[in-house]
Amino acid sequence: MKKILIIDDDDSILKFVKTKISKEGYEIYTLNQAENAMDLIKKYNYDCILSDIHMPIIDGYELLKLIREKYSSDELPVLMFTQIKKETDDIVKLYNLGANDFVEKPINFPVLIKRIEFQIKLKDKILEINQQKKTLEEKNRDLELADKEIQCIISRDMSKLKTKILKENKSCEE
């Protein structure tokens, strides 16, 4: 089961979002403050983070910076939700800080669910591609070593053949 951490200082929103998203088969964890988020993120292997932007002490922007210091957007998707109301500067700031996506409040749950699904599938596919890349790199190294061994064998055999031919030519001349 895929695990999602939701962070929002509004407990009613946390409860409502948790109820809606858990119906989709996700294992949901919640926090009502961002201060402890990094400890939990390091401890558990979440598949996606949903965070509000406007929170006391550590806001969503600062949390996003902290997350991106440790995890790339490929490793841990972060979706931000807030009442931005299409403020271009705030949206650009979110993306510049490494947000994978954002959802406006009031939350459109069918859209949020699809964005979560997309980000988790993308994360899984990138992980799969990286594992395949690693496997191919290992196989390529093996092939390079085998090629070097073959070149050594060919060189040695060519040298033996050259020596044999020279001996035969020398004996023919005598």
Protein backbone atom coordinates (compact mmCIF):
# COMPACT_ATOMS: atom_id res chain seq x y z
CA MET A 1 0.00 0.00 0.00
CA LYS A 2 1.37 3.41 -0.96
CA LYS A 3 2.02 5.79 1.93
CA ILE A 4 1.17 9.48 1.89
CA LEU A 5 2.04 12.11 4.49
CA ILE A 6 -0.33 15.05 4.73
CA ILE A 7 0.79 18.21 6.56
CA ASP A 8 -1.63 21.01 7.40
CA ASP A 9 -2.12 23.12 10.51
CA ASP A 10 -5.92 22.89 10.14
CA ASP A 11 -7.05 19.65 11.81
CA SER A 12 -10.44 19.69 10.08
CA ILE A 13 -8.74 19.81 6.67
CA LEU A 14 -6.36 17.03 7.71
CA LYS A 15 -9.24 14.80 8.77
CA PHE A 16 -11.27 15.55 5.66
CA VAL A 17 -8.37 15.02 3.23
CA LYS A 18 -7.31 11.84 5.05
CA THR A 19 -10.83 10.43 4.80
CA LYS A 20 -11.14 11.21 1.09
CA ILE A 21 -7.71 9.95 0.06
CA SER A 22 -7.73 6.81 2.22
CA LYS A 23 -10.84 5.67 0.33
CA GLU A 24 -8.55 5.35 -2.70
CA GLY A 25 -6.47 2.68 -0.97
CA TYR A 26 -3.61 4.80 0.32
CA GLU A 27 -2.10 4.52 3.78
CA ILE A 28 -2.39 8.04 5.18
CA TYR A 29 -0.29 9.72 7.85
CA THR A 30 -0.97 13.24 9.09
CA LEU A 31 0.87 16.05 10.85
CA ASN A 32 -0.59 19.35 11.98
CA GLN A 33 2.79 21.11 12.02
CA ALA A 34 5.80 21.00 9.76
CA GLU A 35 8.42 21.05 12.54
CA ASN A 36 8.45 17.25 12.93
CA ALA A 37 7.93 16.46 9.27
CA MET A 38 11.56 15.84 8.34
CA ASP A 39 12.00 13.38 11.21
CA LEU A 40 9.04 11.35 9.98
CA ILE A 41 10.04 11.64 6.33
CA LYS A 42 13.50 10.29 7.17
CA LYS A 43 12.04 7.51 9.33
CA TYR A 44 9.30 6.28 6.97
CA ASN A 45 9.43 5.67 3.27
CA TYR A 46 6.56 7.83 2.04
CA ASP A 47 5.52 7.65 -1.58
CA CYS A 48 4.16 11.19 -1.69
CA ILE A 49 3.90 14.29 0.53
CA LEU A 50 0.97 16.70 0.54
CA SER A 51 1.59 19.94 2.37
CA ASP A 52 -0.17 23.19 2.97
CA ILE A 53 1.88 26.31 2.28
CA HIS A 54 0.65 28.67 4.99
CA MET A 55 1.53 27.19 8.38
CA PRO A 56 3.02 28.71 11.52
CA ILE A 57 6.70 28.38 12.49
CA ILE A 58 7.81 26.38 9.43
CA ASP A 59 5.69 27.14 6.39
CA GLY A 60 5.29 24.97 3.33
CA TYR A 61 7.97 26.82 1.39
CA GLU A 62 10.57 26.19 4.10
CA LEU A 63 9.49 22.56 4.46
CA LEU A 64 9.80 22.10 0.71
CA LYS A 65 13.35 23.50 0.83
CA LEU A 66 14.23 21.05 3.63
CA ILE A 67 12.76 18.11 1.74
CA ARG A 68 14.62 19.00 -1.46
CA GLU A 69 17.92 19.20 0.41
CA LYS A 70 17.58 15.46 1.04
CA TYR A 71 15.27 14.12 -1.68
CA SER A 72 14.93 14.96 -5.35
CA SER A 73 11.53 15.49 -6.93
CA ASP A 74 11.96 12.07 -8.56
CA GLU A 75 12.59 10.36 -5.23
CA LEU A 76 9.81 11.98 -3.23
CA PRO A 77 6.97 13.81 -4.95
CA VAL A 78 5.61 16.82 -3.04
CA LEU A 79 2.24 18.34 -3.85
CA MET A 80 1.42 21.64 -2.23
CA PHE A 81 -2.08 22.87 -1.47
CA THR A 82 -3.15 26.33 -0.55
CA GLN A 83 -5.46 29.18 -1.42
CA ILE A 84 -3.08 30.64 -4.00
CA LYS A 85 -5.88 31.64 -6.38
CA LYS A 86 -3.59 31.46 -9.38
CA GLU A 87 -1.00 33.95 -8.10
CA THR A 88 1.66 33.36 -10.74
CA ASP A 89 4.60 34.38 -8.52
CA ASP A 90 3.60 31.92 -5.78
CA ILE A 91 3.11 29.11 -8.29
CA VAL A 92 6.47 29.79 -9.92
CA LYS A 93 8.09 29.95 -6.47
CA LEU A 94 6.64 26.51 -5.63
CA TYR A 95 8.02 24.98 -8.80
CA ASN A 96 11.38 26.71 -8.36
CA LEU A 97 11.65 25.23 -4.86
CA GLY A 98 10.99 21.75 -6.25
CA ALA A 99 7.26 21.16 -5.84
CA ASN A 100 6.02 18.46 -8.19
CA ASP A 101 2.58 20.02 -8.39
CA PHE A 102 0.01 22.06 -6.45
CA VAL A 103 -3.72 21.95 -5.77
CA GLU A 104 -5.85 24.94 -4.84
CA LYS A 105 -8.15 25.06 -1.84
CA PRO A 106 -10.99 24.32 -1.77
CA ILE A 107 -9.60 20.99 -2.90
CA ASN A 108 -11.07 19.31 -5.94
CA PHE A 109 -10.63 15.71 -4.80
CA PRO A 110 -10.94 13.95 -8.16
CA VAL A 111 -8.17 16.22 -9.46
CA LEU A 112 -6.04 15.73 -6.33
CA ILE A 113 -6.39 11.94 -6.53
CA LYS A 114 -5.34 11.93 -10.19
CA ARG A 115 -2.35 14.15 -9.44
CA ILE A 116 -1.29 11.87 -6.58
CA GLU A 117 -1.69 8.78 -8.78
CA PHE A 118 0.31 10.41 -11.56
CA GLN A 119 3.16 11.50 -9.27
CA ILE A 120 3.44 8.09 -7.61
CA LYS A 121 3.36 6.26 -10.96
CA LEU A 122 5.97 8.65 -12.33
CA LYS A 123 8.16 8.12 -9.26
CA ASP A 124 7.85 4.33 -9.62
CA LYS A 125 8.67 4.44 -13.35
CA ILE A 126 11.71 6.65 -12.76
CA LEU A 127 12.90 4.23 -10.07
CA GLU A 128 12.39 1.31 -12.46
CA ILE A 129 14.28 3.12 -15.24
CA ASN A 130 17.14 3.95 -12.86
CA GLN A 131 17.35 0.31 -11.77
CA GLN A 132 17.38 -0.82 -15.41
CA LYS A 133 20.07 1.77 -16.17
CA LYS A 134 22.19 0.45 -13.30
CA THR A 135 21.75 -3.13 -14.54
CA LEU A 136 22.71 -2.10 -18.08
CA GLU A 137 25.77 -0.23 -16.80
CA GLU A 138 26.87 -3.35 -14.88
CA LYS A 139 26.33 -5.55 -17.95
CA ASN A 140 28.22 -3.04 -20.08
CA ARG A 141 31.17 -3.17 -17.65
CA ASP A 142 31.06 -6.99 -17.85
CA LEU A 143 31.07 -6.82 -21.65
CA GLU A 144 34.00 -4.39 -21.63
CA LEU A 145 35.98 -6.77 -19.40
CA ALA A 146 35.10 -9.72 -21.62
CA ASP A 147 36.16 -7.72 -24.67
CA LYS A 148 39.53 -6.94 -23.07
CA GLU A 149 40.02 -10.63 -22.27
CA ILE A 150 39.15 -11.59 -25.85
CA GLN A 151 41.57 -8.97 -27.20
CA CYS A 152 44.33 -10.40 -24.99
CA ILE A 153 43.61 -13.94 -26.17
CA ILE A 154 43.57 -12.84 -29.81
CA SER A 155 46.81 -10.90 -29.36
CA ARG A 156 48.48 -13.88 -27.66
CA ASP A 157 47.24 -16.33 -30.29
CA MET A 158 48.30 -14.01 -33.11
CA SER A 159 51.75 -13.78 -31.59
CA LYS A 160 51.97 -17.60 -31.36
CA LEU A 161 50.74 -17.95 -34.93
CA LYS A 162 53.27 -15.37 -36.16
CA THR A 163 56.07 -17.23 -34.36
CA LYS A 164 54.93 -20.55 -35.86
CA ILE A 165 54.76 -19.09 -39.38
CA LEU A 166 58.21 -17.54 -39.01
CA LYS A 167 59.63 -20.90 -37.86
CA GLU A 168 57.99 -22.71 -40.79
CA ASN A 169 59.30 -20.12 -43.26
CA LYS A 170 62.78 -20.40 -41.75
CA SER A 171 62.74 -24.20 -42.01
CA CYS A 172 61.51 -23.98 -45.63
CA GLU A 173 64.40 -21.72 -46.54
CA GLU A 174 66.96 -24.17 -45.20
